[in-house]
Amino acid sequence: MLTKEDILKEIRRTAKENGGTPLGIARFEDETEIKETDWERYWPRFSDAQKEAGVKANTFFIPAFSD
């Protein structure tokens, strides 16, 4: 069974390998074979795990223009 620290290490590693940008859920699973059922034991949202790992969580929507 994966520990919380195992998952955090993989989030940090994959983000570093991706130029500092954390991977999305699907790509993270493809790269690490860590499934949603593994990380959801510790966090309700993947962005919470990313934040705890010390990487900037991905945002779903960024406006193209400001007011």
Foldseek 3Di string as FASTA:
>chain_A
DDDLVNVLVLQVVCCVVVVLHGDDQVVSCVVPVQHPVNNCVPPVDVCVSNVVSVGHGDDPDDDPDDD
